[in-house]
C-alpha atoms as a PDB file:
ATOM      1  CA  MET A   1     207.365-153.396 -60.038  1.00  0.00           C
ATOM      2  CA  PRO A   2     208.906-151.183 -57.401  1.00  0.00           C
ATOM      3  CA  LEU A   3     211.595-148.878 -58.338  1.00  0.00           C
ATOM      4  CA  PRO A   4     215.107-149.404 -57.600  1.00  0.00           C
ATOM      5  CA  LYS A   5     216.414-147.698 -54.480  1.00  0.00           C
ATOM      6  CA  VAL A   6     219.313-145.223 -54.979  1.00  0.00           C
ATOM      7  CA  ALA A   7     221.074-143.064 -52.429  1.00  0.00           C
ATOM      8  CA  PHE A   8     221.854-139.540 -53.390  1.00  0.00           C
ATOM      9  CA  ILE A   9     224.746-137.779 -51.474  1.00  0.00           C
ATOM     10  CA  GLY A  10     224.920-134.042 -52.036  1.00  0.00           C
ATOM     11  CA  THR A  11     228.273-132.200 -51.482  1.00  0.00           C
ATOM     12  CA  GLY A  12     227.282-128.808 -53.135  1.00  0.00           C
ATOM     13  CA  GLY A  13     228.731-127.726 -56.460  1.00  0.00           C
ATOM     14  CA  THR A  14     226.982-126.077 -59.503  1.00  0.00           C
ATOM     15  CA  MET A  15     224.181-128.593 -59.453  1.00  0.00           C
ATOM     16  CA  ALA A  16     223.313-127.553 -55.913  1.00  0.00           C
ATOM     17  CA  SER A  17     223.477-123.750 -56.709  1.00  0.00           C
ATOM     18  CA  LEU A  18     220.742-121.317 -57.205  1.00  0.00           C
ATOM     19  CA  GLY A  19     221.742-118.001 -59.035  1.00  0.00           C
ATOM     20  CA  ARG A  20     220.257-114.618 -59.024  1.00  0.00           C
ATOM     21  CA  GLY A  21     218.263-115.344 -62.042  1.00  0.00           C
ATOM     22  CA  PRO A  22     217.718-117.695 -65.121  1.00  0.00           C
ATOM     23  CA  LEU A  23     220.576-115.904 -67.025  1.00  0.00           C
ATOM     24  CA  ASP A  24     223.078-116.134 -64.273  1.00  0.00           C
ATOM     25  CA  ILE A  25     225.236-119.034 -65.429  1.00  0.00           C
ATOM     26  CA  TYR A  26     228.642-117.840 -64.413  1.00  0.00           C
ATOM     27  CA  ASP A  27     228.620-115.752 -61.223  1.00  0.00           C
ATOM     28  CA  TYR A  28     225.987-117.809 -59.438  1.00  0.00           C
ATOM     29  CA  GLY A  29     228.414-118.625 -56.472  1.00  0.00           C
ATOM     30  CA  ALA A  30     228.155-114.903 -55.420  1.00  0.00           C
ATOM     31  CA  ALA A  31     224.421-115.685 -54.491  1.00  0.00           C
ATOM     32  CA  GLY A  32     225.368-117.922 -51.758  1.00  0.00           C
ATOM     33  CA  ASN A  33     222.410-120.121 -52.157  1.00  0.00           C
ATOM     34  CA  VAL A  34     223.253-123.837 -52.144  1.00  0.00           C
ATOM     35  CA  MET A  35     220.844-126.600 -51.823  1.00  0.00           C
ATOM     36  CA  HIS A  36     221.244-129.759 -49.883  1.00  0.00           C
ATOM     37  CA  ALA A  37     220.555-133.261 -51.387  1.00  0.00           C
ATOM     38  CA  ASP A  38     216.868-133.253 -50.437  1.00  0.00           C
ATOM     39  CA  GLN A  39     216.305-129.813 -51.632  1.00  0.00           C
ATOM     40  CA  ILE A  40     217.905-130.949 -55.010  1.00  0.00           C
ATOM     41  CA  LEU A  41     215.507-133.774 -55.350  1.00  0.00           C
ATOM     42  CA  ALA A  42     212.591-131.426 -54.567  1.00  0.00           C
ATOM     43  CA  LYS A  43     213.885-128.952 -57.224  1.00  0.00           C
ATOM     44  CA  TRP A  44     213.982-131.898 -59.732  1.00  0.00           C
ATOM     45  CA  PRO A  45     211.011-134.145 -58.926  1.00  0.00           C
ATOM     46  CA  GLU A  46     211.576-136.088 -62.162  1.00  0.00           C
ATOM     47  CA  THR A  47     214.112-138.089 -60.230  1.00  0.00           C
ATOM     48  CA  ALA A  48     211.264-139.883 -58.451  1.00  0.00           C
ATOM     49  CA  LEU A  49     210.220-141.268 -61.732  1.00  0.00           C
ATOM     50  CA  VAL A  50     213.256-143.417 -62.189  1.00  0.00           C
ATOM     51  CA  ALA A  51     214.165-144.647 -58.633  1.00  0.00           C
ATOM     52  CA  ASP A  52     213.246-144.501 -54.989  1.00  0.00           C
ATOM     53  CA  VAL A  53     215.884-141.959 -54.007  1.00  0.00           C
ATOM     54  CA  ILE A  54     217.297-141.655 -50.530  1.00  0.00           C
ATOM     55  CA  PRO A  55     218.533-138.057 -50.049  1.00  0.00           C
ATOM     56  CA  VAL A  56     221.814-137.972 -47.880  1.00  0.00           C
ATOM     57  CA  ARG A  57     222.962-134.681 -46.564  1.00  0.00           C
ATOM     58  CA  TYR A  58     226.777-134.500 -46.423  1.00  0.00           C
ATOM     59  CA  ARG A  59     227.814-130.787 -46.295  1.00  0.00           C
ATOM     60  CA  ASN A  60     227.795-128.208 -49.055  1.00  0.00           C
ATOM     61  CA  VAL A  61     231.418-127.430 -49.934  1.00  0.00           C
ATOM     62  CA  ALA A  62     233.049-125.872 -52.967  1.00  0.00           C
ATOM     63  CA  SER A  63     234.812-128.597 -54.904  1.00  0.00           C
ATOM     64  CA  THR A  64     237.903-126.498 -54.900  1.00  0.00           C
ATOM     65  CA  ALA A  65     238.035-127.066 -51.159  1.00  0.00           C
ATOM     66  CA  ILE A  66     237.653-130.831 -51.245  1.00  0.00           C
ATOM     67  CA  ALA A  67     240.491-132.940 -50.257  1.00  0.00           C
ATOM     68  CA  PHE A  68     241.533-136.182 -48.362  1.00  0.00           C
ATOM     69  CA  ALA A  69     239.209-135.610 -45.267  1.00  0.00           C
ATOM     70  CA  ASP A  70     236.181-135.365 -47.518  1.00  0.00           C
ATOM     71  CA  TRP A  71     237.265-138.351 -49.640  1.00  0.00           C
ATOM     72  CA  LYS A  72     237.705-140.560 -46.688  1.00  0.00           C
ATOM     73  CA  ALA A  73     234.311-139.506 -45.311  1.00  0.00           C
ATOM     74  CA  LEU A  74     232.586-140.118 -48.534  1.00  0.00           C
ATOM     75  CA  ALA A  75     234.115-143.590 -48.950  1.00  0.00           C
ATOM     76  CA  ALA A  76     232.970-144.306 -45.385  1.00  0.00           C
ATOM     77  CA  LEU A  77     229.449-142.947 -46.034  1.00  0.00           C
ATOM     78  CA  CYS A  78     229.094-145.177 -49.061  1.00  0.00           C
ATOM     79  CA  GLN A  79     229.963-148.180 -46.828  1.00  0.00           C
ATOM     80  CA  GLN A  80     227.423-147.068 -44.190  1.00  0.00           C
ATOM     81  CA  LEU A  81     224.697-146.721 -46.715  1.00  0.00           C
ATOM     82  CA  VAL A  82     225.166-150.142 -48.126  1.00  0.00           C
ATOM     83  CA  ALA A  83     225.064-151.588 -44.602  1.00  0.00           C
ATOM     84  CA  ASP A  84     222.028-149.439 -43.720  1.00  0.00           C
ATOM     85  CA  HIS A  85     220.075-150.486 -46.854  1.00  0.00           C
ATOM     86  CA  PRO A  86     220.744-154.061 -48.033  1.00  0.00           C
ATOM     87  CA  ASP A  87     218.504-153.556 -50.861  1.00  0.00           C
ATOM     88  CA  LEU A  88     220.367-150.380 -52.261  1.00  0.00           C
ATOM     89  CA  ALA A  89     220.954-150.610 -55.997  1.00  0.00           C
ATOM     90  CA  GLY A  90     223.491-147.737 -56.222  1.00  0.00           C
ATOM     91  CA  ILE A  91     224.951-144.510 -55.003  1.00  0.00           C
ATOM     92  CA  VAL A  92     225.063-141.128 -56.786  1.00  0.00           C
ATOM     93  CA  ILE A  93     227.409-138.329 -55.478  1.00  0.00           C
ATOM     94  CA  GLY A  94     226.516-134.920 -56.360  1.00  0.00           C
ATOM     95  CA  HIS A  95     229.803-132.837 -56.736  1.00  0.00           C
ATOM     96  CA  GLY A  96     231.273-129.529 -58.107  1.00  0.00           C
ATOM     97  CA  THR A  97     233.106-130.093 -61.425  1.00  0.00           C
ATOM     98  CA  ALA A  98     236.370-128.465 -60.582  1.00  0.00           C
ATOM     99  CA  THR A  99     237.704-131.498 -58.752  1.00  0.00           C
ATOM    100  CA  LEU A 100     235.125-134.068 -59.664  1.00  0.00           C
ATOM    101  CA  GLU A 101     237.506-136.301 -61.480  1.00  0.00           C
ATOM    102  CA  GLU A 102     239.975-136.385 -58.577  1.00  0.00           C
ATOM    103  CA  THR A 103     237.051-137.378 -56.170  1.00  0.00           C
ATOM    104  CA  ALA A 104     235.810-140.061 -58.469  1.00  0.00           C
ATOM    105  CA  TYR A 105     239.277-141.500 -59.053  1.00  0.00           C
ATOM    106  CA  PHE A 106     240.107-141.553 -55.404  1.00  0.00           C
ATOM    107  CA  LEU A 107     236.817-143.369 -54.764  1.00  0.00           C
ATOM    108  CA  ASN A 108     237.599-145.706 -57.464  1.00  0.00           C
ATOM    109  CA  LEU A 109     240.897-146.557 -55.763  1.00  0.00           C
ATOM    110  CA  THR A 110     239.374-146.923 -52.163  1.00  0.00           C
ATOM    111  CA  VAL A 111     235.623-147.379 -52.019  1.00  0.00           C
ATOM    112  CA  LYS A 112     234.792-150.879 -50.900  1.00  0.00           C
ATOM    113  CA  VAL A 113     230.920-151.303 -51.855  1.00  0.00           C
ATOM    114  CA  PRO A 114     229.634-153.865 -54.294  1.00  0.00           C
ATOM    115  CA  VAL A 115     227.153-151.461 -55.786  1.00  0.00           C
ATOM    116  CA  PRO A 116     227.733-148.820 -58.540  1.00  0.00           C
ATOM    117  CA  VAL A 117     228.997-145.381 -57.408  1.00  0.00           C
ATOM    118  CA  VAL A 118     228.410-142.610 -59.728  1.00  0.00           C
ATOM    119  CA  VAL A 119     229.698-138.979 -59.472  1.00  0.00           C
ATOM    120  CA  VAL A 120     227.637-136.356 -61.083  1.00  0.00           C
ATOM    121  CA  GLY A 121     227.815-132.598 -61.588  1.00  0.00           C
ATOM    122  CA  ALA A 122     226.557-129.949 -63.796  1.00  0.00           C
ATOM    123  CA  GLN A 123     227.992-127.059 -65.859  1.00  0.00           C
ATOM    124  CA  ARG A 124     225.028-124.695 -65.211  1.00  0.00           C
ATOM    125  CA  PRO A 125     223.187-124.177 -61.971  1.00  0.00           C
ATOM    126  CA  SER A 126     219.729-125.483 -61.244  1.00  0.00           C
ATOM    127  CA  SER A 127     218.195-122.063 -61.527  1.00  0.00           C
ATOM    128  CA  SER A 128     219.561-121.254 -64.949  1.00  0.00           C
ATOM    129  CA  ILE A 129     217.931-121.356 -68.321  1.00  0.00           C
ATOM    130  CA  SER A 130     218.566-124.808 -69.903  1.00  0.00           C
ATOM    131  CA  SER A 131     220.345-126.125 -66.921  1.00  0.00           C
ATOM    132  CA  ASP A 132     221.894-129.535 -67.290  1.00  0.00           C
ATOM    133  CA  ALA A 133     221.626-130.177 -63.620  1.00  0.00           C
ATOM    134  CA  GLY A 134     218.182-132.044 -63.678  1.00  0.00           C
ATOM    135  CA  ILE A 135     218.965-134.365 -66.641  1.00  0.00           C
ATOM    136  CA  ASN A 136     222.390-135.162 -65.327  1.00  0.00           C
ATOM    137  CA  LEU A 137     221.019-136.184 -62.016  1.00  0.00           C
ATOM    138  CA  VAL A 138     218.287-138.292 -63.502  1.00  0.00           C
ATOM    139  CA  ASN A 139     220.921-140.089 -65.744  1.00  0.00           C
ATOM    140  CA  ALA A 140     223.255-140.616 -62.915  1.00  0.00           C
ATOM    141  CA  ILE A 141     220.470-142.311 -60.839  1.00  0.00           C
ATOM    142  CA  ARG A 142     219.353-144.403 -63.781  1.00  0.00           C
ATOM    143  CA  THR A 143     223.202-145.518 -64.369  1.00  0.00           C
ATOM    144  CA  ALA A 144     223.693-146.244 -60.631  1.00  0.00           C
ATOM    145  CA  ALA A 145     220.513-148.431 -60.663  1.00  0.00           C
ATOM    146  CA  SER A 146     221.699-150.362 -63.743  1.00  0.00           C
ATOM    147  CA  PRO A 147     222.773-153.902 -63.249  1.00  0.00           C
ATOM    148  CA  GLU A 148     225.203-153.404 -66.054  1.00  0.00           C
ATOM    149  CA  ALA A 149     227.080-150.721 -63.971  1.00  0.00           C
ATOM    150  CA  ARG A 150     227.946-153.226 -61.334  1.00  0.00           C
ATOM    151  CA  GLY A 151     231.713-154.035 -61.533  1.00  0.00           C
ATOM    152  CA  MET A 152     232.600-151.090 -63.807  1.00  0.00           C
ATOM    153  CA  GLY A 153     234.226-149.235 -60.786  1.00  0.00           C
ATOM    154  CA  VAL A 154     233.343-145.563 -60.099  1.00  0.00           C
ATOM    155  CA  LEU A 155     231.597-143.784 -62.953  1.00  0.00           C
ATOM    156  CA  VAL A 156     231.109-140.151 -63.991  1.00  0.00           C
ATOM    157  CA  VAL A 157     228.029-139.114 -65.763  1.00  0.00           C
ATOM    158  CA  LEU A 158     227.332-135.858 -67.528  1.00  0.00           C
ATOM    159  CA  ASN A 159     225.905-134.774 -70.849  1.00  0.00           C
ATOM    160  CA  ASP A 160     224.308-138.264 -71.413  1.00  0.00           C
ATOM    161  CA  GLU A 161     227.700-139.825 -71.284  1.00  0.00           C
ATOM    162  CA  ILE A 162     228.940-142.593 -68.944  1.00  0.00           C
ATOM    163  CA  GLN A 163     232.829-142.216 -68.279  1.00  0.00           C
ATOM    164  CA  SER A 164     235.313-144.138 -66.290  1.00  0.00           C
ATOM    165  CA  ALA A 165     236.619-142.351 -63.195  1.00  0.00           C
ATOM    166  CA  ARG A 166     240.327-143.320 -64.261  1.00  0.00           C
ATOM    167  CA  GLU A 167     240.085-142.006 -67.826  1.00  0.00           C
ATOM    168  CA  VAL A 168     237.717-138.934 -67.509  1.00  0.00           C
ATOM    169  CA  THR A 169     238.912-135.302 -67.216  1.00  0.00           C
ATOM    170  CA  LYS A 170     237.398-131.895 -67.527  1.00  0.00           C
ATOM    171  CA  THR A 171     238.448-130.250 -70.656  1.00  0.00           C
ATOM    172  CA  SER A 172     236.688-126.978 -70.895  1.00  0.00           C
ATOM    173  CA  THR A 173     235.609-124.344 -68.355  1.00  0.00           C
ATOM    174  CA  SER A 174     232.119-123.776 -69.628  1.00  0.00           C
ATOM    175  CA  ARG A 175     230.932-126.087 -72.323  1.00  0.00           C
ATOM    176  CA  MET A 176     228.548-128.844 -71.712  1.00  0.00           C
ATOM    177  CA  GLN A 177     230.573-131.650 -73.160  1.00  0.00           C
ATOM    178  CA  THR A 178     233.434-130.728 -70.970  1.00  0.00           C
ATOM    179  CA  PHE A 179     234.155-134.149 -69.487  1.00  0.00           C
ATOM    180  CA  ARG A 180     236.030-136.262 -71.943  1.00  0.00           C
ATOM    181  CA  SER A 181     238.080-139.435 -71.932  1.00  0.00           C
ATOM    182  CA  ALA A 182     240.644-138.542 -74.453  1.00  0.00           C
ATOM    183  CA  ASP A 183     242.536-141.828 -75.141  1.00  0.00           C
ATOM    184  CA  PHE A 184     239.494-144.267 -75.067  1.00  0.00           C
ATOM    185  CA  GLY A 185     236.271-142.545 -75.124  1.00  0.00           C
ATOM    186  CA  VAL A 186     233.039-143.209 -73.114  1.00  0.00           C
ATOM    187  CA  LEU A 187     231.989-146.443 -71.772  1.00  0.00           C
ATOM    188  CA  GLY A 188     228.384-145.805 -72.717  1.00  0.00           C
ATOM    189  CA  HIS A 189     225.323-143.547 -72.869  1.00  0.00           C
ATOM    190  CA  ALA A 190     222.192-142.725 -70.685  1.00  0.00           C
ATOM    191  CA  ASP A 191     219.966-142.376 -73.494  1.00  0.00           C
ATOM    192  CA  GLY A 192     216.175-141.515 -73.142  1.00  0.00           C
ATOM    193  CA  ASP A 193     215.124-145.211 -73.500  1.00  0.00           C
ATOM    194  CA  ALA A 194     217.903-147.159 -71.908  1.00  0.00           C
ATOM    195  CA  VAL A 195     221.340-146.990 -70.059  1.00  0.00           C
ATOM    196  CA  VAL A 196     223.637-148.704 -72.426  1.00  0.00           C
ATOM    197  CA  PHE A 197     227.349-149.743 -72.095  1.00  0.00           C
ATOM    198  CA  TYR A 198     229.744-150.714 -74.964  1.00  0.00           C
ATOM    199  CA  ARG A 199     233.100-151.471 -73.123  1.00  0.00           C
ATOM    200  CA  GLN A 200     234.298-151.802 -69.607  1.00  0.00           C
ATOM    201  CA  PRO A 201     237.533-150.434 -68.006  1.00  0.00           C
ATOM    202  CA  MET A 202     240.537-152.841 -68.099  1.00  0.00           C
ATOM    203  CA  ARG A 203     242.424-151.539 -65.077  1.00  0.00           C
ATOM    204  CA  ARG A 204     241.818-152.751 -61.483  1.00  0.00           C
ATOM    205  CA  ARG A 205     239.223-150.620 -59.896  1.00  0.00           C
ATOM    206  CA  ALA A 206     236.645-150.402 -56.815  1.00  0.00           C
ATOM    207  CA  PRO A 207     235.835-152.363 -54.917  1.00  0.00           C
ATOM    208  CA  ASP A 208     238.654-154.877 -55.751  1.00  0.00           C
ATOM    209  CA  THR A 209     241.628-152.571 -54.643  1.00  0.00           C
ATOM    210  CA  GLU A 210     244.567-152.986 -52.182  1.00  0.00           C
ATOM    211  CA  PHE A 211     244.094-149.447 -50.595  1.00  0.00           C
ATOM    212  CA  ASP A 212     242.511-148.675 -47.346  1.00  0.00           C
ATOM    213  CA  VAL A 213     242.209-145.372 -45.933  1.00  0.00           C
ATOM    214  CA  SER A 214     239.888-145.889 -43.085  1.00  0.00           C
ATOM    215  CA  ASN A 215     242.605-145.649 -40.505  1.00  0.00           C
ATOM    216  CA  LEU A 216     244.721-142.882 -42.065  1.00  0.00           C
ATOM    217  CA  ASP A 217     244.598-139.234 -40.760  1.00  0.00           C
ATOM    218  CA  ALA A 218     246.426-137.810 -43.687  1.00  0.00           C
ATOM    219  CA  MET A 219     248.042-138.909 -47.021  1.00  0.00           C
ATOM    220  CA  PRO A 220     251.691-138.884 -47.838  1.00  0.00           C
ATOM    221  CA  ARG A 221     252.534-135.462 -49.446  1.00  0.00           C
ATOM    222  CA  VAL A 222     252.932-135.605 -53.174  1.00  0.00           C
ATOM    223  CA  ASP A 223     253.183-132.428 -55.258  1.00  0.00           C
ATOM    224  CA  ILE A 224     252.958-131.610 -58.979  1.00  0.00           C
ATOM    225  CA  ALA A 225     255.876-129.875 -60.747  1.00  0.00           C
ATOM    226  CA  TYR A 226     254.466-128.198 -63.960  1.00  0.00           C
ATOM    227  CA  GLY A 227     256.981-128.307 -66.639  1.00  0.00           C
ATOM    228  CA  TYR A 228     257.408-125.190 -68.997  1.00  0.00           C
ATOM    229  CA  ALA A 229     260.012-123.704 -71.324  1.00  0.00           C
ATOM    230  CA  GLY A 230     262.887-122.298 -69.140  1.00  0.00           C
ATOM    231  CA  GLY A 231     261.775-123.969 -66.006  1.00  0.00           C
ATOM    232  CA  ASP A 232     264.459-123.654 -63.429  1.00  0.00           C
ATOM    233  CA  GLY A 233     263.634-126.346 -60.816  1.00  0.00           C
ATOM    234  CA  VAL A 234     262.813-124.023 -57.950  1.00  0.00           C
ATOM    235  CA  ALA A 235     259.376-125.613 -57.487  1.00  0.00           C
ATOM    236  CA  VAL A 236     260.845-128.982 -57.277  1.00  0.00           C
ATOM    237  CA  ARG A 237     263.228-127.973 -54.578  1.00  0.00           C
ATOM    238  CA  ALA A 238     260.532-126.121 -52.705  1.00  0.00           C
ATOM    239  CA  PHE A 239     258.511-129.330 -52.639  1.00  0.00           C
ATOM    240  CA  MET A 240     261.469-131.193 -51.317  1.00  0.00           C
ATOM    241  CA  ALA A 241     261.894-128.632 -48.584  1.00  0.00           C
ATOM    242  CA  ALA A 242     258.182-128.943 -47.675  1.00  0.00           C
ATOM    243  CA  GLY A 243     258.555-132.688 -47.028  1.00  0.00           C
ATOM    244  CA  ALA A 244     257.318-134.187 -50.242  1.00  0.00           C
ATOM    245  CA  LYS A 245     257.450-137.977 -50.273  1.00  0.00           C
ATOM    246  CA  GLY A 246     256.536-137.985 -53.921  1.00  0.00           C
ATOM    247  CA  ILE A 247     256.803-135.401 -56.917  1.00  0.00           C
ATOM    248  CA  VAL A 248     254.794-135.757 -60.107  1.00  0.00           C
ATOM    249  CA  SER A 249     256.434-134.147 -62.998  1.00  0.00           C
ATOM    250  CA  ALA A 250     254.013-132.773 -65.440  1.00  0.00           C
ATOM    251  CA  GLY A 251     256.419-132.516 -68.299  1.00  0.00           C
ATOM    252  CA  PHE A 252     256.541-131.794 -71.876  1.00  0.00           C
ATOM    253  CA  ALA A 253     254.957-134.547 -74.085  1.00  0.00           C
ATOM    254  CA  PRO A 254     255.914-137.362 -74.364  1.00  0.00           C
ATOM    255  CA  GLY A 255     257.713-136.822 -70.978  1.00  0.00           C
ATOM    256  CA  GLY A 256     260.539-134.423 -70.963  1.00  0.00           C
ATOM    257  CA  THR A 257     261.562-131.382 -68.719  1.00  0.00           C
ATOM    258  CA  SER A 258     263.904-128.524 -69.042  1.00  0.00           C
ATOM    259  CA  PRO A 259     267.616-129.120 -68.317  1.00  0.00           C
ATOM    260  CA  ALA A 260     267.417-127.207 -65.000  1.00  0.00           C
ATOM    261  CA  GLU A 261     264.180-128.984 -63.960  1.00  0.00           C
ATOM    262  CA  THR A 262     265.672-132.276 -64.828  1.00  0.00           C
ATOM    263  CA  GLU A 263     268.530-131.792 -62.594  1.00  0.00           C
ATOM    264  CA  ALA A 264     266.345-130.808 -59.795  1.00  0.00           C
ATOM    265  CA  LEU A 265     264.229-134.005 -60.322  1.00  0.00           C
ATOM    266  CA  HIS A 266     267.358-136.082 -60.327  1.00  0.00           C
ATOM    267  CA  GLU A 267     268.324-134.320 -56.917  1.00  0.00           C
ATOM    268  CA  ALA A 268     264.961-135.403 -55.545  1.00  0.00           C
ATOM    269  CA  HIS A 269     265.201-138.972 -56.713  1.00  0.00           C
ATOM    270  CA  LYS A 270     268.709-139.104 -55.091  1.00  0.00           C
ATOM    271  CA  ALA A 271     267.385-137.746 -51.788  1.00  0.00           C
ATOM    272  CA  GLY A 272     264.829-140.637 -51.664  1.00  0.00           C
ATOM    273  CA  VAL A 273     261.717-138.789 -53.121  1.00  0.00           C
ATOM    274  CA  ILE A 274     259.704-140.956 -55.583  1.00  0.00           C
ATOM    275  CA  VAL A 275     259.668-138.972 -58.824  1.00  0.00           C
ATOM    276  CA  MET A 276     256.776-139.974 -61.380  1.00  0.00           C
ATOM    277  CA  GLN A 277     257.089-138.549 -64.902  1.00  0.00           C
ATOM    278  CA  CYS A 278     253.777-137.787 -66.758  1.00  0.00           C
ATOM    279  CA  THR A 279     252.905-135.120 -69.271  1.00  0.00           C
ATOM    280  CA  ARG A 280     250.886-132.044 -69.456  1.00  0.00           C
ATOM    281  CA  ALA A 281     249.380-133.180 -72.684  1.00  0.00           C
ATOM    282  CA  GLY A 282     246.432-134.688 -71.298  1.00  0.00           C
ATOM    283  CA  SER A 283     246.597-137.664 -73.362  1.00  0.00           C
ATOM    284  CA  GLY A 284     248.939-140.667 -74.112  1.00  0.00           C
ATOM    285  CA  ARG A 285     251.422-142.832 -72.365  1.00  0.00           C
ATOM    286  CA  VAL A 286     254.917-141.761 -71.183  1.00  0.00           C
ATOM    287  CA  PRO A 287     257.201-144.249 -73.032  1.00  0.00           C
ATOM    288  CA  PRO A 288     260.174-145.958 -71.185  1.00  0.00           C
ATOM    289  CA  THR A 289     262.849-143.965 -72.889  1.00  0.00           C
ATOM    290  CA  THR A 290     266.590-144.629 -71.920  1.00  0.00           C
ATOM    291  CA  ARG A 291     266.891-141.201 -70.415  1.00  0.00           C
ATOM    292  CA  LEU A 292     263.949-141.821 -68.072  1.00  0.00           C
ATOM    293  CA  THR A 293     264.760-145.368 -67.039  1.00  0.00           C
ATOM    294  CA  GLN A 294     268.448-144.578 -66.394  1.00  0.00           C
ATOM    295  CA  SER A 295     267.565-141.629 -64.442  1.00  0.00           C
ATOM    296  CA  GLY A 296     265.360-143.652 -61.847  1.00  0.00           C
ATOM    297  CA  LEU A 297     262.279-141.783 -62.690  1.00  0.00           C
ATOM    298  CA  LEU A 298     259.074-143.879 -62.670  1.00  0.00           C
ATOM    299  CA  LEU A 299     256.444-143.740 -65.401  1.00  0.00           C
ATOM    300  CA  ALA A 300     252.890-142.518 -64.908  1.00  0.00           C
ATOM    301  CA  ASP A 301     251.515-144.431 -67.906  1.00  0.00           C
ATOM    302  CA  ASN A 302     248.729-142.290 -69.441  1.00  0.00           C
ATOM    303  CA  LEU A 303     247.341-140.795 -66.140  1.00  0.00           C
ATOM    304  CA  THR A 304     246.983-136.980 -65.920  1.00  0.00           C
ATOM    305  CA  PRO A 305     249.188-135.319 -63.389  1.00  0.00           C
ATOM    306  CA  GLN A 306     246.337-134.795 -60.849  1.00  0.00           C
ATOM    307  CA  LYS A 307     245.395-138.476 -61.058  1.00  0.00           C
ATOM    308  CA  ALA A 308     249.036-139.693 -60.976  1.00  0.00           C
ATOM    309  CA  ARG A 309     249.352-137.487 -57.800  1.00  0.00           C
ATOM    310  CA  LEU A 310     246.568-139.395 -56.272  1.00  0.00           C
ATOM    311  CA  LEU A 311     247.720-142.900 -57.287  1.00  0.00           C
ATOM    312  CA  LEU A 312     251.368-142.091 -56.065  1.00  0.00           C
ATOM    313  CA  SER A 313     250.021-140.863 -52.680  1.00  0.00           C
ATOM    314  CA  LEU A 314     247.925-143.868 -52.175  1.00  0.00           C
ATOM    315  CA  ALA A 315     250.740-146.285 -53.319  1.00  0.00           C
ATOM    316  CA  LEU A 316     253.102-144.527 -50.707  1.00  0.00           C
ATOM    317  CA  THR A 317     250.686-145.764 -48.057  1.00  0.00           C
ATOM    318  CA  VAL A 318     251.492-149.395 -48.813  1.00  0.00           C
ATOM    319  CA  THR A 319     254.909-149.321 -50.097  1.00  0.00           C
ATOM    320  CA  SER A 320     258.150-147.081 -50.933  1.00  0.00           C
ATOM    321  CA  ASP A 321     259.720-149.603 -53.138  1.00  0.00           C
ATOM    322  CA  PRO A 322     260.084-148.253 -56.724  1.00  0.00           C
ATOM    323  CA  ALA A 323     259.441-151.608 -58.235  1.00  0.00           C
ATOM    324  CA  GLU A 324     256.105-152.059 -56.387  1.00  0.00           C
ATOM    325  CA  ILE A 325     255.059-148.473 -57.166  1.00  0.00           C
ATOM    326  CA  THR A 326     255.701-149.295 -60.807  1.00  0.00           C
ATOM    327  CA  ARG A 327     253.473-152.412 -60.539  1.00  0.00           C
ATOM    328  CA  ILE A 328     250.744-150.366 -58.913  1.00  0.00           C
ATOM    329  CA  PHE A 329     250.904-147.768 -61.829  1.00  0.00           C
ATOM    330  CA  ARG A 330     250.630-150.735 -64.414  1.00  0.00           C
ATOM    331  CA  THR A 331     247.723-152.190 -62.494  1.00  0.00           C
ATOM    332  CA  TYR A 332     245.302-149.325 -61.783  1.00  0.00           C
END
């Protein structure tokens, strides 16, 4: 029986990096040796045991430098691969872990392909002792090829765990179990004998979404104002002056800000800026308190600030109506 066909897009990151030796697990970026997709597959030939993998060179870029232009290009590349390979079972995107969750969530809101898309990274470079790059890549390929992965939206696979793009976030700088879904846990596991799922995401997800970025040159500006004790609102006013169409307030849990920042956020709302309240806690919903609802601030549900920023920016491409934006945040 032929192996399933899976495309592997390489964008760089730790998985693609080769350090100065097997114990170089932190400063490997200084070596400047980054592999492309085909070179990564050659480094980890075990990938050929689980699928017929098509290497796709994108460009090697630090994930700290990835933004809208790359997200748009990756979404288009996924669609082109499906058009070019009608028998394609799935797509894997290798990515640096710093912004992996943002790329995954953006694609979860915009990519239009029927096959599974899995974003994968590594905590240790491919040259290091006990690197997780090889096993993570093998498991991502197996997951992308799994029929059960269809309809799950964009997935993230590291550390044998399958996570939803909407729910997962990086929680530790260096630990192997860094990617967690704090509120709901994993969707399933890529075990040695099988890829197994135990639940599915409930929110609307790729490919059935209302957002189309194919004709956009840029996204509406949305900034994040991080709440802290004694915050004076200067950042909020600076974002307004810079032309922000939306501001995400990463406030205290469960959704508060300092008096001065609250005043600045109200100024932004009155000036027509969409203000979305979430928390810096990393978990849990923002409840519809009287203070928030009477102020005109919208609620980010349980999204992290960085994901609320993405969804608000995409929402602003289709509407500026606060009621519609609220619907969108309850839908995705």
